[in-house]
Amino acid sequence: MAIVIVTLDVQGTTSVTASAGTTVGGLSVEIQGSGIAAQLVTAAPWSASFSGVPAGTYTAVSTPVDGNGKALGSPISSAQFTVQPDVSLDVPNVVSVTVAVQ
């Protein structure tokens, strides 16, 4: 399992038409197919960190949402990326250390 950090390149704002009283909630960020809940990012540095992402190939998706989590615009997707599986390593098992001073 891995930690995946999704960094969003936010440049300005875009106008959308919404019902009166609608507020901007931020950006919903998810790693599609990972089984890990989406995160809401509300301010700079515009990044989300996901722990425990299992091995596999994924796409990160960011969607602007209102204060209730409903989409306010079109989602933007990353290129596909791969999380490699964990590996097993055999390391030396030190059981004692002896020091001689002369």
N, C-alpha and C. Protein backbone atom coordinates (compact mmCIF):
# COMPACT_ATOMS: atom_id res chain seq x y z
N MET A 1 0.84 -1.17 0.00
CA MET A 1 0.00 0.00 0.00
C MET A 1 0.89 1.24 0.00
N ALA A 2 0.34 2.31 -0.52
CA ALA A 2 1.16 3.51 -0.69
C ALA A 2 0.41 4.75 -0.24
N ILE A 3 1.18 5.82 -0.08
CA ILE A 3 0.61 7.14 0.13
C ILE A 3 0.66 7.83 -1.23
N VAL A 4 -0.48 8.35 -1.67
CA VAL A 4 -0.56 9.07 -2.94
C VAL A 4 -0.95 10.51 -2.64
N ILE A 5 -0.15 11.45 -3.13
CA ILE A 5 -0.44 12.87 -2.95
C ILE A 5 -0.88 13.43 -4.30
N VAL A 6 -2.08 14.00 -4.32
CA VAL A 6 -2.63 14.60 -5.52
C VAL A 6 -2.50 16.11 -5.38
N THR A 7 -1.77 16.75 -6.28
CA THR A 7 -1.59 18.19 -6.27
C THR A 7 -2.38 18.79 -7.43
N LEU A 8 -3.19 19.81 -7.11
CA LEU A 8 -4.05 20.43 -8.11
C LEU A 8 -3.45 21.76 -8.56
N ASP A 9 -3.40 21.98 -9.85
CA ASP A 9 -2.91 23.24 -10.41
C ASP A 9 -4.12 24.15 -10.61
N VAL A 10 -4.43 24.97 -9.60
CA VAL A 10 -5.59 25.86 -9.65
C VAL A 10 -5.15 27.22 -10.14
N GLN A 11 -5.78 27.67 -11.23
CA GLN A 11 -5.44 28.96 -11.81
C GLN A 11 -6.71 29.78 -12.00
N GLY A 12 -7.04 30.56 -11.00
CA GLY A 12 -8.20 31.43 -11.10
C GLY A 12 -9.51 30.70 -10.84
N THR A 13 -10.58 31.29 -11.32
CA THR A 13 -11.92 30.74 -11.12
C THR A 13 -12.69 30.74 -12.43
N THR A 14 -13.81 30.02 -12.46
CA THR A 14 -14.71 29.97 -13.60
C THR A 14 -16.11 30.24 -13.10
N SER A 15 -16.90 31.00 -13.83
CA SER A 15 -18.28 31.28 -13.44
C SER A 15 -19.19 30.14 -13.86
N VAL A 16 -20.08 29.73 -12.95
CA VAL A 16 -21.11 28.74 -13.25
C VAL A 16 -22.45 29.29 -12.77
N THR A 17 -23.52 28.81 -13.36
CA THR A 17 -24.86 29.22 -12.95
C THR A 17 -25.38 28.21 -11.94
N ALA A 18 -25.87 28.72 -10.81
CA ALA A 18 -26.37 27.84 -9.74
C ALA A 18 -27.58 28.50 -9.10
N SER A 19 -28.32 27.73 -8.31
CA SER A 19 -29.48 28.24 -7.60
C SER A 19 -29.06 29.29 -6.57
N ALA A 20 -29.97 30.22 -6.28
CA ALA A 20 -29.71 31.24 -5.26
C ALA A 20 -29.37 30.55 -3.95
N GLY A 21 -28.42 31.09 -3.22
CA GLY A 21 -28.03 30.54 -1.94
C GLY A 21 -26.96 29.46 -2.02
N THR A 22 -26.56 29.07 -3.23
CA THR A 22 -25.53 28.06 -3.39
C THR A 22 -24.18 28.64 -2.99
N THR A 23 -23.42 27.87 -2.24
CA THR A 23 -22.07 28.29 -1.86
C THR A 23 -21.05 27.32 -2.43
N VAL A 24 -19.86 27.81 -2.65
CA VAL A 24 -18.78 26.96 -3.14
C VAL A 24 -18.20 26.18 -1.97
N GLY A 25 -18.11 24.87 -2.10
CA GLY A 25 -17.57 24.03 -1.03
C GLY A 25 -16.09 23.76 -1.19
N GLY A 26 -15.60 23.74 -2.41
CA GLY A 26 -14.20 23.46 -2.68
C GLY A 26 -14.06 22.49 -3.83
N LEU A 27 -13.03 21.69 -3.78
CA LEU A 27 -12.76 20.69 -4.81
C LEU A 27 -12.79 19.30 -4.19
N SER A 28 -13.61 18.44 -4.74
CA SER A 28 -13.65 17.04 -4.31
C SER A 28 -12.58 16.30 -5.10
N VAL A 29 -11.70 15.62 -4.39
CA VAL A 29 -10.60 14.90 -5.03
C VAL A 29 -10.73 13.42 -4.68
N GLU A 30 -10.69 12.58 -5.70
CA GLU A 30 -10.78 11.14 -5.46
C GLU A 30 -9.80 10.39 -6.34
N ILE A 31 -9.45 9.20 -5.89
CA ILE A 31 -8.65 8.28 -6.70
C ILE A 31 -9.62 7.18 -7.10
N GLN A 32 -10.09 7.27 -8.33
CA GLN A 32 -11.14 6.36 -8.78
C GLN A 32 -10.70 4.91 -8.71
N GLY A 33 -11.58 4.08 -8.12
CA GLY A 33 -11.34 2.65 -8.04
C GLY A 33 -10.47 2.21 -6.89
N SER A 34 -10.03 3.15 -6.05
CA SER A 34 -9.12 2.78 -4.95
C SER A 34 -9.87 2.28 -3.72
N GLY A 35 -11.16 2.59 -3.63
CA GLY A 35 -11.92 2.22 -2.44
C GLY A 35 -11.69 3.17 -1.28
N ILE A 36 -10.96 4.25 -1.52
CA ILE A 36 -10.67 5.24 -0.48
C ILE A 36 -11.58 6.44 -0.72
N ALA A 37 -12.15 6.97 0.36
CA ALA A 37 -13.10 8.07 0.27
C ALA A 37 -12.46 9.32 -0.36
N ALA A 38 -13.28 10.06 -1.08
CA ALA A 38 -12.85 11.33 -1.66
C ALA A 38 -12.54 12.32 -0.54
N GLN A 39 -11.70 13.29 -0.85
CA GLN A 39 -11.36 14.35 0.11
C GLN A 39 -11.82 15.68 -0.45
N LEU A 40 -12.20 16.58 0.45
CA LEU A 40 -12.58 17.94 0.07
C LEU A 40 -11.40 18.86 0.35
N VAL A 41 -10.95 19.55 -0.68
CA VAL A 41 -9.85 20.51 -0.56
C VAL A 41 -10.47 21.90 -0.71
N THR A 42 -10.24 22.77 0.27
CA THR A 42 -10.92 24.06 0.28
C THR A 42 -10.01 25.27 0.09
N ALA A 43 -8.71 25.08 0.10
CA ALA A 43 -7.80 26.22 -0.03
C ALA A 43 -6.40 25.74 -0.42
N ALA A 44 -5.57 26.71 -0.80
CA ALA A 44 -4.18 26.40 -1.11
C ALA A 44 -3.55 25.75 0.12
N PRO A 45 -2.70 24.79 -0.04
CA PRO A 45 -1.91 24.45 -1.21
C PRO A 45 -2.58 23.51 -2.21
N TRP A 46 -3.88 23.34 -2.19
CA TRP A 46 -4.61 22.57 -3.18
C TRP A 46 -4.02 21.18 -3.42
N SER A 47 -3.92 20.41 -2.36
CA SER A 47 -3.45 19.04 -2.50
C SER A 47 -4.18 18.14 -1.51
N ALA A 48 -4.24 16.87 -1.85
CA ALA A 48 -4.88 15.87 -0.99
C ALA A 48 -3.94 14.68 -0.87
N SER A 49 -3.87 14.11 0.32
CA SER A 49 -3.00 12.97 0.58
C SER A 49 -3.87 11.76 0.93
N PHE A 50 -3.65 10.67 0.24
CA PHE A 50 -4.42 9.45 0.44
C PHE A 50 -3.48 8.36 0.95
N SER A 51 -3.77 7.79 2.12
CA SER A 51 -2.96 6.73 2.70
C SER A 51 -3.59 5.37 2.42
N GLY A 52 -2.75 4.36 2.33
CA GLY A 52 -3.24 3.00 2.18
C GLY A 52 -3.80 2.67 0.81
N VAL A 53 -3.30 3.33 -0.23
CA VAL A 53 -3.77 3.05 -1.59
C VAL A 53 -3.18 1.71 -2.03
N PRO A 54 -4.03 0.74 -2.35
CA PRO A 54 -3.51 -0.57 -2.75
C PRO A 54 -2.88 -0.54 -4.14
N ALA A 55 -2.07 -1.55 -4.43
CA ALA A 55 -1.45 -1.66 -5.75
C ALA A 55 -2.54 -1.66 -6.82
N GLY A 56 -2.25 -1.00 -7.93
CA GLY A 56 -3.19 -0.95 -9.03
C GLY A 56 -2.95 0.26 -9.90
N THR A 57 -3.77 0.40 -10.93
CA THR A 57 -3.68 1.54 -11.84
C THR A 57 -4.91 2.40 -11.63
N TYR A 58 -4.69 3.71 -11.46
CA TYR A 58 -5.75 4.63 -11.08
C TYR A 58 -5.71 5.92 -11.89
N THR A 59 -6.78 6.69 -11.72
CA THR A 59 -6.89 8.05 -12.23
C THR A 59 -7.37 8.91 -11.08
N ALA A 60 -6.74 10.07 -10.88
CA ALA A 60 -7.20 11.03 -9.87
C ALA A 60 -8.17 11.98 -10.56
N VAL A 61 -9.26 12.30 -9.86
CA VAL A 61 -10.29 13.17 -10.42
C VAL A 61 -10.62 14.28 -9.43
N SER A 62 -10.68 15.51 -9.93
CA SER A 62 -11.06 16.66 -9.12
C SER A 62 -12.32 17.29 -9.70
N THR A 63 -13.29 17.55 -8.82
CA THR A 63 -14.55 18.16 -9.25
C THR A 63 -14.89 19.32 -8.33
N PRO A 64 -15.18 20.52 -8.88
CA PRO A 64 -15.64 21.61 -8.02
C PRO A 64 -17.03 21.25 -7.48
N VAL A 65 -17.24 21.48 -6.17
CA VAL A 65 -18.51 21.13 -5.55
C VAL A 65 -19.06 22.29 -4.72
N ASP A 66 -20.37 22.24 -4.48
CA ASP A 66 -20.99 23.25 -3.63
C ASP A 66 -20.88 22.81 -2.17
N GLY A 67 -21.46 23.61 -1.29
CA GLY A 67 -21.38 23.34 0.14
C GLY A 67 -22.04 22.04 0.56
N ASN A 68 -22.86 21.44 -0.33
CA ASN A 68 -23.51 20.16 -0.05
C ASN A 68 -22.83 18.99 -0.75
N GLY A 69 -21.71 19.26 -1.43
CA GLY A 69 -20.99 18.21 -2.11
C GLY A 69 -21.47 17.89 -3.51
N LYS A 70 -22.41 18.71 -4.04
CA LYS A 70 -22.91 18.49 -5.40
C LYS A 70 -21.99 19.19 -6.40
N ALA A 71 -21.76 18.53 -7.53
CA ALA A 71 -20.86 19.07 -8.56
C ALA A 71 -21.33 20.44 -9.04
N LEU A 72 -20.38 21.35 -9.17
CA LEU A 72 -20.66 22.69 -9.70
C LEU A 72 -20.04 22.88 -11.08
N GLY A 73 -19.31 21.94 -11.54
CA GLY A 73 -18.65 22.05 -12.83
C GLY A 73 -18.20 20.68 -13.28
N SER A 74 -17.41 20.69 -14.31
CA SER A 74 -16.95 19.43 -14.89
C SER A 74 -15.74 18.89 -14.14
N PRO A 75 -15.67 17.57 -13.99
CA PRO A 75 -14.50 16.97 -13.36
C PRO A 75 -13.29 17.04 -14.29
N ILE A 76 -12.13 17.11 -13.70
CA ILE A 76 -10.86 17.08 -14.43
C ILE A 76 -10.09 15.86 -13.94
N SER A 77 -9.58 15.06 -14.89
CA SER A 77 -8.89 13.82 -14.55
C SER A 77 -7.40 13.91 -14.83
N SER A 78 -6.62 13.19 -14.04
CA SER A 78 -5.19 13.06 -14.29
C SER A 78 -4.96 11.97 -15.34
N ALA A 79 -3.74 11.86 -15.75
CA ALA A 79 -3.34 10.69 -16.54
C ALA A 79 -3.34 9.49 -15.58
N GLN A 80 -3.42 8.29 -16.14
CA GLN A 80 -3.37 7.10 -15.29
C GLN A 80 -2.01 7.00 -14.62
N PHE A 81 -2.00 6.49 -13.40
CA PHE A 81 -0.76 6.24 -12.68
C PHE A 81 -0.88 4.89 -12.00
N THR A 82 0.27 4.30 -11.68
CA THR A 82 0.30 2.96 -11.10
C THR A 82 0.95 2.98 -9.73
N VAL A 83 0.31 2.33 -8.78
CA VAL A 83 0.88 2.10 -7.46
C VAL A 83 1.41 0.67 -7.50
N GLN A 84 2.71 0.53 -7.28
CA GLN A 84 3.35 -0.78 -7.33
C GLN A 84 3.05 -1.55 -6.05
N PRO A 85 3.00 -2.88 -6.13
CA PRO A 85 2.78 -3.68 -4.92
C PRO A 85 3.98 -3.60 -3.98
N ASP A 86 3.72 -3.81 -2.69
CA ASP A 86 4.80 -3.88 -1.72
C ASP A 86 5.69 -5.08 -2.04
N VAL A 87 6.94 -5.01 -1.64
CA VAL A 87 7.88 -6.10 -1.86
C VAL A 87 8.34 -6.65 -0.52
N SER A 88 8.75 -7.91 -0.51
CA SER A 88 9.33 -8.52 0.68
C SER A 88 10.84 -8.55 0.52
N LEU A 89 11.53 -8.17 1.58
CA LEU A 89 12.99 -8.16 1.55
C LEU A 89 13.54 -9.00 2.68
N ASP A 90 14.61 -9.73 2.42
CA ASP A 90 15.33 -10.44 3.47
C ASP A 90 16.48 -9.54 3.90
N VAL A 91 16.49 -9.16 5.17
CA VAL A 91 17.56 -8.29 5.68
C VAL A 91 18.30 -9.02 6.79
N PRO A 92 19.57 -8.68 7.01
CA PRO A 92 20.34 -9.34 8.07
C PRO A 92 19.66 -9.14 9.43
N ASN A 93 19.64 -10.20 10.22
CA ASN A 93 19.04 -10.16 11.55
C ASN A 93 20.17 -10.12 12.58
N VAL A 94 20.54 -8.94 13.03
CA VAL A 94 21.64 -8.78 13.99
C VAL A 94 21.12 -9.16 15.37
N VAL A 95 21.83 -10.11 16.04
CA VAL A 95 21.40 -10.55 17.37
C VAL A 95 22.27 -10.00 18.47
N SER A 96 23.48 -9.57 18.14
CA SER A 96 24.34 -8.94 19.16
C SER A 96 25.42 -8.14 18.47
N VAL A 97 25.98 -7.20 19.21
CA VAL A 97 27.10 -6.40 18.72
C VAL A 97 28.16 -6.41 19.80
N THR A 98 29.39 -6.76 19.45
CA THR A 98 30.50 -6.81 20.40
C THR A 98 31.52 -5.75 20.01
N VAL A 99 32.03 -5.05 21.03
CA VAL A 99 33.03 -4.00 20.80
C VAL A 99 34.25 -4.32 21.67
N ALA A 100 35.43 -4.22 21.09
CA ALA A 100 36.67 -4.40 21.85
C ALA A 100 37.47 -3.11 21.72
N VAL A 101 37.85 -2.54 22.85
CA VAL A 101 38.65 -1.33 22.87
C VAL A 101 40.02 -1.70 23.39
N GLN A 102 41.10 -1.37 22.70
CA GLN A 102 42.47 -1.73 23.13
C GLN A 102 43.30 -0.50 23.33
